[in-house]
Amino acid sequence: MKCIHKTISLTIVCVICTAAAFIIKCPLYYVIGIPCPSCGMTRAYLSLFCGNIARAFNMHPLWWSLPFALLITIIWKFKTGNMRILKIELPVLFILFIGVYAIRMSTMFPNTPPMNFNTDCLIFSILGG
C-alpha cells in the first residue's frame, strides 16, 4: 500500500512540475530575470531536430553532453551492473555547465538570446522596476 501512495505522490509532483515548466518555463528566469546554467537547452534540441547543428551549439554548447552521459551510464550499467559512473559523471557535468555558464554570462548577457535579461520578471514587478 505504501508503494502505491509513493507512486501516486510522485506522479502528482511530476505532473505539477511539468505543468509549471510549460507555463513558467525557467523558474529562475521568471523570478529574478537571469538565465540559468541550462538556459537554451530546449532550443538547442529543437534546433538539432530541425537539422541546424550550428544553431544548437549557439543555443547551448553542451547540448550533446546529456545524451552522451546517458549513453555512457547505460553502457556502464549493462557491463558492470552498478551506477558508480555517476560519481564521476555528475561532478564533471556540474563543472562543465557552471564553467560554460560563466563564459556565456560574461560574453552574452544581457542582450543575446538565450542569455538575455527578463525585464518582466517577478522581482521587477514586486520592486516596481
C-alpha atoms as a PDB file:
ATOM      1  CA  MET A   1       0.000   0.000   0.000  1.00  0.00           C
ATOM      2  CA  LYS A   2       2.895   2.375   0.803  1.00  0.00           C
ATOM      3  CA  CYS A   3       4.290   1.805  -2.679  1.00  0.00           C
ATOM      4  CA  ILE A   4       1.021   2.884  -4.281  1.00  0.00           C
ATOM      5  CA  HIS A   5       0.935   6.095  -2.196  1.00  0.00           C
ATOM      6  CA  LYS A   6       4.524   6.883  -3.122  1.00  0.00           C
ATOM      7  CA  THR A   7       3.797   6.261  -6.789  1.00  0.00           C
ATOM      8  CA  ILE A   8       0.700   8.462  -6.725  1.00  0.00           C
ATOM      9  CA  SER A   9       2.579  11.225  -4.859  1.00  0.00           C
ATOM     10  CA  LEU A  10       5.490  11.074  -7.292  1.00  0.00           C
ATOM     11  CA  THR A  11       3.108  11.176 -10.251  1.00  0.00           C
ATOM     12  CA  ILE A  12       1.341  14.254  -8.849  1.00  0.00           C
ATOM     13  CA  VAL A  13       4.661  16.021  -8.264  1.00  0.00           C
ATOM     14  CA  CYS A  14       5.790  15.182 -11.825  1.00  0.00           C
ATOM     15  CA  VAL A  15       2.543  16.475 -13.326  1.00  0.00           C
ATOM     16  CA  ILE A  16       2.759  19.724 -11.341  1.00  0.00           C
ATOM     17  CA  CYS A  17       6.431  20.240 -12.270  1.00  0.00           C
ATOM     18  CA  THR A  18       5.742  19.515 -15.941  1.00  0.00           C
ATOM     19  CA  ALA A  19       2.789  21.914 -15.985  1.00  0.00           C
ATOM     20  CA  ALA A  20       4.891  24.576 -14.262  1.00  0.00           C
ATOM     21  CA  ALA A  21       7.663  24.071 -16.799  1.00  0.00           C
ATOM     22  CA  PHE A  22       5.272  24.717 -19.675  1.00  0.00           C
ATOM     23  CA  ILE A  23       3.617  27.697 -18.017  1.00  0.00           C
ATOM     24  CA  ILE A  24       6.591  29.389 -16.330  1.00  0.00           C
ATOM     25  CA  LYS A  25       9.403  27.880 -18.428  1.00  0.00           C
ATOM     26  CA  CYS A  26      12.514  28.511 -16.300  1.00  0.00           C
ATOM     27  CA  PRO A  27      11.705  29.439 -12.653  1.00  0.00           C
ATOM     28  CA  LEU A  28      14.993  31.350 -12.167  1.00  0.00           C
ATOM     29  CA  TYR A  29      14.420  33.377 -15.336  1.00  0.00           C
ATOM     30  CA  TYR A  30      10.796  34.027 -14.353  1.00  0.00           C
ATOM     31  CA  VAL A  31      11.550  35.088 -10.763  1.00  0.00           C
ATOM     32  CA  ILE A  32      14.836  37.041 -10.898  1.00  0.00           C
ATOM     33  CA  GLY A  33      15.253  37.643 -14.612  1.00  0.00           C
ATOM     34  CA  ILE A  34      18.578  35.953 -15.274  1.00  0.00           C
ATOM     35  CA  PRO A  35      19.053  32.761 -17.255  1.00  0.00           C
ATOM     36  CA  CYS A  36      20.039  29.531 -15.514  1.00  0.00           C
ATOM     37  CA  PRO A  37      23.032  27.336 -16.454  1.00  0.00           C
ATOM     38  CA  SER A  38      20.803  25.165 -18.630  1.00  0.00           C
ATOM     39  CA  CYS A  39      19.024  28.018 -20.416  1.00  0.00           C
ATOM     40  CA  GLY A  40      18.901  27.316 -24.115  1.00  0.00           C
ATOM     41  CA  MET A  41      18.906  23.508 -23.872  1.00  0.00           C
ATOM     42  CA  THR A  42      15.345  23.102 -25.158  1.00  0.00           C
ATOM     43  CA  ARG A  43      16.015  25.494 -28.033  1.00  0.00           C
ATOM     44  CA  ALA A  44      19.279  23.667 -28.744  1.00  0.00           C
ATOM     45  CA  TYR A  45      17.464  20.329 -29.069  1.00  0.00           C
ATOM     46  CA  LEU A  46      14.721  21.873 -31.203  1.00  0.00           C
ATOM     47  CA  SER A  47      17.407  23.321 -33.489  1.00  0.00           C
ATOM     48  CA  LEU A  48      19.153  19.956 -33.625  1.00  0.00           C
ATOM     49  CA  PHE A  49      15.911  18.166 -34.516  1.00  0.00           C
ATOM     50  CA  CYS A  50      15.401  20.679 -37.318  1.00  0.00           C
ATOM     51  CA  GLY A  51      18.883  19.860 -38.624  1.00  0.00           C
ATOM     52  CA  ASN A  52      20.530  23.120 -37.580  1.00  0.00           C
ATOM     53  CA  ILE A  53      23.558  21.934 -35.604  1.00  0.00           C
ATOM     54  CA  ALA A  54      25.273  25.354 -35.613  1.00  0.00           C
ATOM     55  CA  ARG A  55      22.198  26.949 -34.002  1.00  0.00           C
ATOM     56  CA  ALA A  56      22.050  24.097 -31.473  1.00  0.00           C
ATOM     57  CA  PHE A  57      25.613  24.885 -30.384  1.00  0.00           C
ATOM     58  CA  ASN A  58      24.735  28.584 -30.259  1.00  0.00           C
ATOM     59  CA  MET A  59      21.694  27.989 -28.052  1.00  0.00           C
ATOM     60  CA  HIS A  60      23.691  25.794 -25.649  1.00  0.00           C
ATOM     61  CA  PRO A  61      27.171  24.455 -26.403  1.00  0.00           C
ATOM     62  CA  LEU A  62      26.710  21.481 -24.058  1.00  0.00           C
ATOM     63  CA  TRP A  63      23.537  20.086 -25.654  1.00  0.00           C
ATOM     64  CA  TRP A  64      25.481  16.945 -26.611  1.00  0.00           C
ATOM     65  CA  SER A  65      26.715  16.240 -23.068  1.00  0.00           C
ATOM     66  CA  LEU A  66      23.468  14.922 -21.574  1.00  0.00           C
ATOM     67  CA  PRO A  67      22.709  12.271 -24.227  1.00  0.00           C
ATOM     68  CA  PHE A  68      26.400  11.320 -24.177  1.00  0.00           C
ATOM     69  CA  ALA A  69      26.367  10.941 -20.375  1.00  0.00           C
ATOM     70  CA  LEU A  70      23.157   8.911 -20.574  1.00  0.00           C
ATOM     71  CA  LEU A  71      24.700   6.596 -23.152  1.00  0.00           C
ATOM     72  CA  ILE A  72      27.841   6.123 -21.037  1.00  0.00           C
ATOM     73  CA  THR A  73      25.683   5.421 -17.963  1.00  0.00           C
ATOM     74  CA  ILE A  74      23.601   2.812 -19.801  1.00  0.00           C
ATOM     75  CA  ILE A  75      26.700   1.071 -21.170  1.00  0.00           C
ATOM     76  CA  TRP A  76      28.371   1.164 -17.745  1.00  0.00           C
ATOM     77  CA  LYS A  77      25.253  -0.246 -16.016  1.00  0.00           C
ATOM     78  CA  PHE A  78      24.982  -3.006 -18.632  1.00  0.00           C
ATOM     79  CA  LYS A  79      28.664  -4.003 -18.334  1.00  0.00           C
ATOM     80  CA  THR A  80      29.208  -3.621 -14.579  1.00  0.00           C
ATOM     81  CA  GLY A  81      25.740  -3.810 -13.049  1.00  0.00           C
ATOM     82  CA  ASN A  82      26.278  -0.677 -10.943  1.00  0.00           C
ATOM     83  CA  MET A  83      25.805   3.049 -11.263  1.00  0.00           C
ATOM     84  CA  ARG A  84      29.156   4.181  -9.788  1.00  0.00           C
ATOM     85  CA  ILE A  85      29.945   6.042 -13.000  1.00  0.00           C
ATOM     86  CA  LEU A  86      27.512   8.731 -11.824  1.00  0.00           C
ATOM     87  CA  LYS A  87      30.020   9.671  -9.079  1.00  0.00           C
ATOM     88  CA  ILE A  88      32.286  10.809 -11.901  1.00  0.00           C
ATOM     89  CA  GLU A  89      29.739  11.993 -14.471  1.00  0.00           C
ATOM     90  CA  LEU A  90      27.653  14.271 -12.265  1.00  0.00           C
ATOM     91  CA  PRO A  91      30.534  16.371 -10.870  1.00  0.00           C
ATOM     92  CA  VAL A  92      32.081  16.620 -14.346  1.00  0.00           C
ATOM     93  CA  LEU A  93      28.771  17.751 -15.854  1.00  0.00           C
ATOM     94  CA  PHE A  94      28.258  20.231 -13.000  1.00  0.00           C
ATOM     95  CA  ILE A  95      31.708  21.769 -13.517  1.00  0.00           C
ATOM     96  CA  LEU A  96      31.209  21.907 -17.300  1.00  0.00           C
ATOM     97  CA  PHE A  97      27.802  23.582 -17.008  1.00  0.00           C
ATOM     98  CA  ILE A  98      28.973  26.141 -14.437  1.00  0.00           C
ATOM     99  CA  GLY A  99      32.087  26.919 -16.492  1.00  0.00           C
ATOM    100  CA  VAL A 100      30.122  27.385 -19.708  1.00  0.00           C
ATOM    101  CA  TYR A 101      27.520  29.413 -17.784  1.00  0.00           C
ATOM    102  CA  ALA A 102      30.202  31.786 -16.506  1.00  0.00           C
ATOM    103  CA  ILE A 103      31.606  32.253 -20.018  1.00  0.00           C
ATOM    104  CA  ARG A 104      28.160  32.764 -21.540  1.00  0.00           C
ATOM    105  CA  MET A 105      27.118  35.237 -18.830  1.00  0.00           C
ATOM    106  CA  SER A 106      30.290  37.266 -19.347  1.00  0.00           C
ATOM    107  CA  THR A 107      30.055  37.287 -23.147  1.00  0.00           C
ATOM    108  CA  MET A 108      26.329  37.128 -23.970  1.00  0.00           C
ATOM    109  CA  PHE A 109      24.361  38.538 -21.022  1.00  0.00           C
ATOM    110  CA  PRO A 110      22.121  40.624 -21.020  1.00  0.00           C
ATOM    111  CA  ASN A 111      21.247  41.122 -24.697  1.00  0.00           C
ATOM    112  CA  THR A 112      21.931  37.890 -26.596  1.00  0.00           C
ATOM    113  CA  PRO A 113      19.373  35.052 -26.530  1.00  0.00           C
ATOM    114  CA  PRO A 114      19.204  32.706 -24.770  1.00  0.00           C
ATOM    115  CA  MET A 115      21.241  34.633 -22.193  1.00  0.00           C
ATOM    116  CA  ASN A 116      19.081  37.758 -22.246  1.00  0.00           C
ATOM    117  CA  PHE A 117      17.632  39.541 -19.198  1.00  0.00           C
ATOM    118  CA  ASN A 118      13.919  39.194 -18.450  1.00  0.00           C
ATOM    119  CA  THR A 119      12.582  42.655 -17.620  1.00  0.00           C
ATOM    120  CA  ASP A 120       9.148  41.123 -16.936  1.00  0.00           C
ATOM    121  CA  CYS A 121      10.477  39.012 -14.055  1.00  0.00           C
ATOM    122  CA  LEU A 122       8.645  38.727 -10.755  1.00  0.00           C
ATOM    123  CA  ILE A 123      11.283  40.621  -8.736  1.00  0.00           C
ATOM    124  CA  PHE A 124      10.974  43.646 -11.055  1.00  0.00           C
ATOM    125  CA  SER A 125       7.190  43.526 -10.665  1.00  0.00           C
ATOM    126  CA  ILE A 126       7.476  43.470  -6.880  1.00  0.00           C
ATOM    127  CA  LEU A 127      10.117  46.195  -6.692  1.00  0.00           C
ATOM    128  CA  GLY A 128       8.309  48.352  -9.220  1.00  0.00           C
ATOM    129  CA  GLY A 129      11.039  48.281 -11.880  1.00  0.00           C
END
